Amino acid sequence: MQSTHNKILNVIKKGKRGKIFFLSNFTDYGTDVAVRHTFSRLCKSGLLIRLSAGIYLYPEIDKEIGIIYPSIEKIAKEIAKQEKARIIPTGAYALNALGLSTQVPMRVVFLTDGTPRMINIEGKASIKFKKTAPKYLSFKSKLVSLVVFALREIGENKATAEQLAQIKKLLQNEKQETVINDLVLAPAWVKNTIIKLLQDE
């Protein structure tokens, strides 16, 4: 019989560098205490990095820059996948993702139909999962959803000419039918702003 430590170690080493592991996926590998102790030892040995409570990274390591951490969005997506929930980025993160702001937010908010909670990623940032109505997770286009929530973050009539030009440029690469259909989910002023941008030549 393999020990809890060896069973967990084998699973992790079979995984690709950069993979995120959840403590809750290893409940069948031994007692709760044995599983927790194994992950603790693997962190102390440097094989794993603890991202947050119950969330661990099998890090990718570059010879020159060292540990390569996954993006906040990747971590959030893995958490959402783990609990079979949908998420959508909002606020300052949406602005940064679209190139409308150079500021990298340390607190990222995702709307979700899963469990609302705050997760602190050690040494990096915090991720807040905020419960929302299912319709706000129904965008067909990720780009349109980012634009809608970026404009909401900026505020009505507060976007600069440069920001509007960037939004227009991005939306021109999306199918117009998809954009129009997704705008049903946007506040009226956001919808009108985007339609005006698309109509202006």
Protein backbone atom coordinates (compact mmCIF):
# COMPACT_ATOMS: atom_id res chain seq x y z
CA MET A 1 0.00 0.00 0.00
CA GLN A 2 1.36 3.41 -0.97
CA SER A 3 1.49 6.08 1.71
CA THR A 4 -0.71 9.17 1.44
CA HIS A 5 2.43 11.20 0.75
CA ASN A 6 3.59 9.02 -2.14
CA LYS A 7 0.13 8.79 -3.72
CA ILE A 8 -0.27 12.58 -3.72
CA LEU A 9 3.32 13.13 -4.86
CA ASN A 10 2.80 10.81 -7.84
CA VAL A 11 -0.33 12.69 -8.93
CA ILE A 12 1.39 16.07 -8.69
CA LYS A 13 4.51 14.99 -10.57
CA LYS A 14 2.36 13.60 -13.37
CA GLY A 15 0.79 17.04 -13.74
CA LYS A 16 2.16 19.77 -15.96
CA ARG A 17 4.18 22.57 -14.41
CA GLY A 18 1.86 25.52 -13.77
CA LYS A 19 -1.03 23.28 -12.76
CA ILE A 20 -3.20 24.28 -9.81
CA PHE A 21 -4.23 21.62 -7.29
CA PHE A 22 -7.04 21.71 -4.74
CA LEU A 23 -6.81 20.01 -1.37
CA SER A 24 -10.47 18.96 -1.69
CA ASN A 25 -9.60 16.70 -4.64
CA PHE A 26 -7.44 14.48 -2.46
CA THR A 27 -9.88 13.50 0.30
CA ASP A 28 -9.77 9.85 -0.83
CA TYR A 29 -5.99 9.66 -0.54
CA GLY A 30 -5.89 9.41 3.24
CA THR A 31 -7.17 11.06 6.40
CA ASP A 32 -7.72 14.82 6.39
CA VAL A 33 -4.72 15.24 8.68
CA ALA A 34 -2.45 13.09 6.47
CA VAL A 35 -3.48 14.97 3.32
CA ARG A 36 -2.94 18.38 4.92
CA HIS A 37 0.44 17.33 6.31
CA THR A 38 1.50 16.01 2.90
CA PHE A 39 0.70 19.31 1.18
CA SER A 40 2.46 21.20 3.97
CA ARG A 41 5.61 19.09 3.53
CA LEU A 42 5.52 19.47 -0.26
CA CYS A 43 5.37 23.26 0.19
CA LYS A 44 8.29 23.21 2.61
CA SER A 45 10.29 21.15 0.13
CA GLY A 46 9.62 23.73 -2.59
CA LEU A 47 7.73 21.37 -4.87
CA LEU A 48 4.45 23.22 -4.32
CA ILE A 49 3.49 26.81 -3.55
CA ARG A 50 0.46 27.57 -1.40
CA LEU A 51 -1.63 30.16 -3.23
CA SER A 52 -4.43 30.30 -0.68
CA ALA A 53 -6.25 28.06 1.78
CA GLY A 54 -6.62 24.67 0.06
CA ILE A 55 -5.19 25.92 -3.26
CA TYR A 56 -1.69 24.97 -4.40
CA LEU A 57 0.52 25.58 -7.42
CA TYR A 58 2.97 23.15 -9.01
CA PRO A 59 5.10 26.02 -10.25
CA GLU A 60 6.64 26.54 -13.62
CA ILE A 61 10.21 27.73 -13.10
CA ASP A 62 12.26 29.78 -15.54
CA LYS A 63 16.06 29.65 -15.19
CA GLU A 64 16.35 33.43 -15.44
CA ILE A 65 13.22 34.89 -13.83
CA GLY A 66 12.41 32.10 -11.39
CA ILE A 67 8.87 31.11 -10.49
CA ILE A 68 6.22 31.95 -13.09
CA TYR A 69 2.87 32.54 -11.43
CA PRO A 70 -0.38 32.00 -13.35
CA SER A 71 -2.50 35.07 -14.04
CA ILE A 72 -5.21 36.05 -11.58
CA GLU A 73 -7.78 35.21 -14.25
CA LYS A 74 -6.38 31.69 -14.67
CA ILE A 75 -6.49 31.13 -10.91
CA ALA A 76 -10.07 32.43 -10.80
CA LYS A 77 -11.08 30.20 -13.71
CA GLU A 78 -9.61 27.14 -12.01
CA ILE A 79 -11.51 27.95 -8.81
CA ALA A 80 -14.73 28.41 -10.80
CA LYS A 81 -14.13 25.15 -12.67
CA GLN A 82 -13.58 23.39 -9.37
CA GLU A 83 -17.01 24.40 -8.11
CA LYS A 84 -18.69 24.25 -11.53
CA ALA A 85 -19.53 27.94 -11.54
CA ARG A 86 -19.48 30.64 -14.20
CA ILE A 87 -17.50 33.85 -13.72
CA ILE A 88 -17.02 37.15 -15.51
CA PRO A 89 -14.36 39.81 -14.74
CA THR A 90 -15.44 43.34 -13.85
CA GLY A 91 -14.17 46.72 -12.73
CA ALA A 92 -10.51 47.69 -12.85
CA TYR A 93 -9.53 44.25 -14.14
CA ALA A 94 -11.76 44.72 -17.19
CA LEU A 95 -10.15 48.12 -17.84
CA ASN A 96 -6.67 46.62 -17.67
CA ALA A 97 -7.59 43.62 -19.83
CA LEU A 98 -8.82 45.95 -22.59
CA GLY A 99 -5.76 48.20 -22.43
CA LEU A 100 -7.86 51.10 -21.10
CA SER A 101 -5.74 51.35 -17.98
CA THR A 102 -2.16 50.42 -17.18
CA GLN A 103 -2.99 49.92 -13.50
CA VAL A 104 -2.89 46.25 -12.49
CA PRO A 105 -5.52 45.83 -9.76
CA MET A 106 -4.53 44.02 -6.57
CA ARG A 107 -8.17 43.27 -5.82
CA VAL A 108 -10.02 41.62 -8.68
CA VAL A 109 -13.79 41.20 -8.70
CA PHE A 110 -15.54 38.45 -10.65
CA LEU A 111 -19.29 38.08 -10.90
CA THR A 112 -20.38 34.49 -10.37
CA ASP A 113 -23.32 32.14 -10.01
CA GLY A 114 -21.21 30.13 -7.56
CA THR A 115 -20.32 30.74 -3.93
CA PRO A 116 -19.68 34.40 -3.05
CA ARG A 117 -16.37 34.71 -1.20
CA MET A 118 -13.02 36.44 -0.97
CA ILE A 119 -9.80 34.55 -1.68
CA ASN A 120 -6.44 36.06 -0.81
CA ILE A 121 -3.68 34.88 -3.11
CA GLU A 122 -0.54 35.00 -1.00
CA GLY A 123 1.89 37.63 -2.17
CA LYS A 124 -0.15 38.56 -5.23
CA ALA A 125 -3.70 39.85 -4.94
CA SER A 126 -7.18 39.09 -3.71
CA ILE A 127 -10.02 37.65 -5.74
CA LYS A 128 -13.60 38.48 -4.83
CA PHE A 129 -16.38 36.32 -6.21
CA LYS A 130 -19.58 38.36 -6.13
CA LYS A 131 -22.96 36.70 -6.59
CA THR A 132 -24.96 38.01 -9.52
CA ALA A 133 -28.10 37.32 -11.52
CA PRO A 134 -27.65 34.59 -14.18
CA LYS A 135 -28.39 37.01 -17.03
CA TYR A 136 -25.13 38.91 -16.39
CA LEU A 137 -23.22 35.71 -17.08
CA SER A 138 -24.96 35.14 -20.41
CA PHE A 139 -22.70 37.21 -22.68
CA LYS A 140 -21.74 35.34 -25.85
CA SER A 141 -18.66 37.51 -26.32
CA LYS A 142 -16.00 37.89 -23.64
CA LEU A 143 -14.89 41.10 -25.34
CA VAL A 144 -18.34 42.67 -25.12
CA SER A 145 -18.69 41.70 -21.47
CA LEU A 146 -15.31 43.32 -20.70
CA VAL A 147 -16.33 46.49 -22.55
CA VAL A 148 -19.67 46.69 -20.73
CA PHE A 149 -18.12 46.29 -17.28
CA ALA A 150 -15.21 48.58 -18.13
CA LEU A 151 -17.61 51.36 -19.12
CA ARG A 152 -19.61 50.78 -15.95
CA GLU A 153 -16.39 51.13 -13.97
CA ILE A 154 -15.48 54.39 -15.73
CA GLY A 155 -18.95 55.86 -15.33
CA GLU A 156 -21.52 57.48 -17.60
CA ASN A 157 -20.04 60.16 -19.89
CA LYS A 158 -16.64 59.88 -18.14
CA ALA A 159 -14.69 57.85 -20.71
CA THR A 160 -11.90 59.78 -22.44
CA ALA A 161 -11.68 60.12 -26.21
CA GLU A 162 -8.69 57.77 -26.14
CA GLN A 163 -10.60 55.14 -24.19
CA LEU A 164 -13.58 55.35 -26.52
CA ALA A 165 -11.30 55.05 -29.56
CA GLN A 166 -9.69 51.93 -28.07
CA ILE A 167 -13.10 50.39 -27.34
CA LYS A 168 -14.28 51.12 -30.88
CA LYS A 169 -11.13 49.57 -32.34
CA LEU A 170 -11.59 46.41 -30.28
CA LEU A 171 -15.28 46.03 -31.07
CA GLN A 172 -14.66 46.33 -34.79
CA ASN A 173 -12.93 42.95 -34.58
CA GLU A 174 -16.06 41.32 -33.16
CA LYS A 175 -19.10 40.20 -35.13
CA GLN A 176 -21.55 43.10 -35.04
CA GLU A 177 -24.49 40.73 -34.64
CA THR A 178 -22.89 39.30 -31.50
CA VAL A 179 -22.22 42.78 -30.13
CA ILE A 180 -25.81 43.93 -30.67
CA ASN A 181 -27.25 40.75 -29.14
CA ASP A 182 -25.04 41.05 -26.05
CA LEU A 183 -25.94 44.70 -25.54
CA VAL A 184 -29.37 43.57 -24.35
CA LEU A 185 -27.55 42.71 -21.09
CA ALA A 186 -26.02 46.18 -20.70
CA PRO A 187 -27.42 49.24 -18.91
CA ALA A 188 -29.19 51.62 -21.31
CA TRP A 189 -26.46 54.28 -21.24
CA VAL A 190 -23.73 51.71 -21.91
CA LYS A 191 -25.73 50.25 -24.78
CA ASN A 192 -26.27 53.71 -26.29
CA THR A 193 -22.57 54.59 -25.90
CA ILE A 194 -21.45 51.46 -27.73
CA ILE A 195 -24.03 51.76 -30.51
CA LYS A 196 -22.98 55.38 -31.10
CA LEU A 197 -19.34 54.30 -31.29
CA LEU A 198 -20.13 51.63 -33.87
CA GLN A 199 -22.21 54.02 -35.96
CA ASP A 200 -19.68 56.87 -35.99
CA GLU A 201 -17.31 56.74 -38.90
